[in-house]
N, C-alpha and C. Protein backbone atom coordinates (compact mmCIF):
# COMPACT_ATOMS: atom_id res chain seq x y z
N MET A 1 81.76 19.61 41.38
CA MET A 1 82.31 19.67 40.07
C MET A 1 82.85 18.16 39.83
N SER A 2 81.97 17.36 40.02
CA SER A 2 82.17 15.85 39.50
C SER A 2 81.87 15.34 38.14
N ASP A 3 81.31 16.39 37.29
CA ASP A 3 81.01 16.01 35.98
C ASP A 3 82.39 15.76 35.16
N VAL A 4 82.23 14.67 34.43
CA VAL A 4 83.32 14.42 33.40
C VAL A 4 82.95 14.86 32.09
N VAL A 5 83.81 15.79 31.69
CA VAL A 5 83.79 16.37 30.47
C VAL A 5 84.83 16.02 29.49
N ASP A 6 84.49 16.10 28.22
CA ASP A 6 85.51 15.54 27.09
C ASP A 6 86.60 17.07 26.86
N SER A 7 87.31 16.86 25.84
CA SER A 7 88.40 17.91 25.75
C SER A 7 87.54 18.99 25.01
N ASP A 8 86.77 18.77 24.13
CA ASP A 8 86.00 19.79 23.55
C ASP A 8 85.39 20.63 24.41
N GLU A 9 84.62 20.21 25.38
CA GLU A 9 83.75 20.81 26.36
C GLU A 9 84.64 21.61 27.37
N LEU A 10 85.82 20.98 27.81
CA LEU A 10 86.84 21.77 28.40
C LEU A 10 87.32 23.00 27.88
N LEU A 11 87.62 22.88 26.55
CA LEU A 11 88.18 23.95 25.72
C LEU A 11 86.95 25.28 25.60
N ARG A 12 85.65 24.81 25.35
CA ARG A 12 84.68 25.65 25.29
C ARG A 12 84.53 26.56 26.83
N ARG A 13 84.64 25.86 27.78
CA ARG A 13 84.48 26.16 28.81
C ARG A 13 85.81 27.26 29.36
N ILE A 14 86.77 27.11 28.92
CA ILE A 14 87.86 27.85 29.06
C ILE A 14 87.71 29.07 28.12
N GLN A 15 87.35 29.03 26.81
CA GLN A 15 87.20 30.21 26.05
C GLN A 15 86.17 31.12 26.57
N ARG A 16 85.00 30.29 27.17
CA ARG A 16 83.95 31.09 27.85
C ARG A 16 84.43 31.91 28.86
N ALA A 17 85.27 31.29 29.85
CA ALA A 17 85.80 31.87 31.17
C ALA A 17 86.90 33.10 30.61
N ARG A 18 87.48 32.90 29.52
CA ARG A 18 88.55 33.97 28.94
C ARG A 18 87.77 35.19 28.49
N ARG A 19 86.63 35.04 27.89
CA ARG A 19 85.77 36.02 27.41
C ARG A 19 85.28 36.76 28.40
N TRP A 20 84.68 36.23 29.56
CA TRP A 20 83.99 36.66 30.70
C TRP A 20 85.23 37.48 31.53
N ALA A 21 86.31 36.97 31.62
CA ALA A 21 87.37 37.61 32.44
C ALA A 21 87.60 39.11 31.81
N GLN A 22 87.71 39.02 30.22
CA GLN A 22 87.97 40.16 29.55
C GLN A 22 86.86 41.17 29.67
N GLU A 23 85.71 40.75 29.66
CA GLU A 23 84.48 41.68 29.83
C GLU A 23 84.65 42.23 31.13
N GLN A 24 84.99 41.48 32.25
CA GLN A 24 84.91 42.05 33.59
C GLN A 24 86.23 43.08 33.62
N GLU A 25 87.25 42.75 32.99
CA GLU A 25 88.18 43.57 33.06
C GLU A 25 88.12 45.20 32.50
N ARG A 26 87.23 45.02 31.40
CA ARG A 26 87.00 46.34 30.90
C ARG A 26 86.09 47.04 31.61
N ALA A 27 84.85 46.42 32.04
CA ALA A 27 84.04 46.88 33.17
C ALA A 27 84.69 47.69 34.30
N TRP A 28 85.41 46.88 34.89
CA TRP A 28 86.27 47.32 36.08
C TRP A 28 87.08 48.52 35.73
N ARG A 29 87.87 48.51 34.68
CA ARG A 29 88.66 49.69 34.17
C ARG A 29 87.81 50.89 34.03
N GLY A 30 86.65 50.80 33.46
CA GLY A 30 85.72 51.86 33.32
C GLY A 30 85.39 52.57 34.62
N ARG A 31 85.49 51.90 35.64
CA ARG A 31 85.18 52.72 36.91
C ARG A 31 86.11 53.28 37.65
N GLY A 32 87.23 53.64 37.03
CA GLY A 32 88.54 54.36 37.41
C GLY A 32 89.20 53.74 38.49
N GLU A 33 89.76 54.51 39.27
CA GLU A 33 90.81 54.17 40.37
C GLU A 33 90.16 53.08 41.45
N GLU A 34 88.90 53.19 41.54
CA GLU A 34 88.17 52.19 42.52
C GLU A 34 88.16 50.94 42.01
N GLY A 35 88.37 50.58 40.56
CA GLY A 35 88.21 49.49 40.00
C GLY A 35 89.48 48.97 39.47
N ALA A 36 90.56 49.56 39.70
CA ALA A 36 91.87 49.39 39.13
C ALA A 36 92.48 47.91 39.54
N VAL A 37 92.14 47.66 41.01
CA VAL A 37 92.82 46.18 41.56
C VAL A 37 92.00 45.22 40.87
N ARG A 38 90.69 45.39 40.99
CA ARG A 38 89.86 44.26 40.19
C ARG A 38 90.27 44.14 38.81
N ALA A 39 90.40 45.12 38.08
CA ALA A 39 90.68 45.14 36.58
C ALA A 39 92.01 44.47 36.32
N VAL A 40 92.85 44.53 37.35
CA VAL A 40 94.26 43.82 37.27
C VAL A 40 94.10 42.41 37.36
N VAL A 41 93.24 41.94 38.48
CA VAL A 41 93.10 40.63 38.56
C VAL A 41 92.39 39.92 37.55
N TYR A 42 91.40 40.46 36.80
CA TYR A 42 90.76 39.91 35.81
C TYR A 42 91.59 39.88 34.40
N GLU A 43 92.45 40.95 34.33
CA GLU A 43 93.56 40.81 33.43
C GLU A 43 94.38 39.63 33.37
N THR A 44 94.79 39.39 34.60
CA THR A 44 95.73 38.35 34.98
C THR A 44 94.96 37.02 34.69
N VAL A 45 93.79 36.83 35.16
CA VAL A 45 93.04 35.69 34.92
C VAL A 45 93.17 35.44 33.31
N GLY A 46 92.73 36.53 32.50
CA GLY A 46 92.60 36.37 31.15
C GLY A 46 94.12 35.71 30.55
N LYS A 47 95.21 36.30 31.17
CA LYS A 47 96.37 35.98 30.59
C LYS A 47 96.81 34.59 31.11
N VAL A 48 96.22 34.17 32.05
CA VAL A 48 96.57 32.60 32.23
C VAL A 48 95.54 31.73 31.44
N LEU A 49 94.40 32.08 31.16
CA LEU A 49 93.69 31.41 30.35
C LEU A 49 94.25 31.29 28.99
N ASP A 50 94.53 32.61 28.56
CA ASP A 50 95.42 32.71 27.18
C ASP A 50 96.41 31.64 27.26
N GLU A 51 97.33 31.45 28.06
CA GLU A 51 98.43 30.74 28.04
C GLU A 51 98.11 28.93 28.19
N ILE A 52 96.86 28.89 28.73
CA ILE A 52 96.25 27.62 28.58
C ILE A 52 95.87 27.25 27.11
N LEU A 53 95.23 28.21 26.58
CA LEU A 53 94.65 27.79 25.24
C LEU A 53 95.84 27.94 24.06
N THR A 54 96.75 28.86 24.37
CA THR A 54 97.70 28.93 23.35
C THR A 54 99.18 29.03 23.93
N PRO A 55 99.80 28.06 24.57
CA PRO A 55 100.94 28.26 25.07
C PRO A 55 102.21 28.79 24.42
N GLY A 56 102.70 29.67 24.88
CA GLY A 56 103.92 30.21 24.54
C GLY A 56 103.57 31.33 23.57
N ALA A 57 102.26 31.63 23.23
CA ALA A 57 102.15 32.79 22.42
C ALA A 57 102.31 34.22 22.81
N ARG A 58 102.38 34.34 24.11
CA ARG A 58 102.75 35.74 24.55
C ARG A 58 104.18 36.02 24.86
């Protein structure tokens, strides 16, 4: 990861990661109890990325 990126590209990458985390959370929640732990992990990742994108919104 030695690529230099500008702030707009960084923002796009964070937004894309947040969407991916939300998709994964939904997918793992659909697997019932066996996916509960992973769903919580992806939910947490999504919350952290939300806080980066919109500090103090939650």
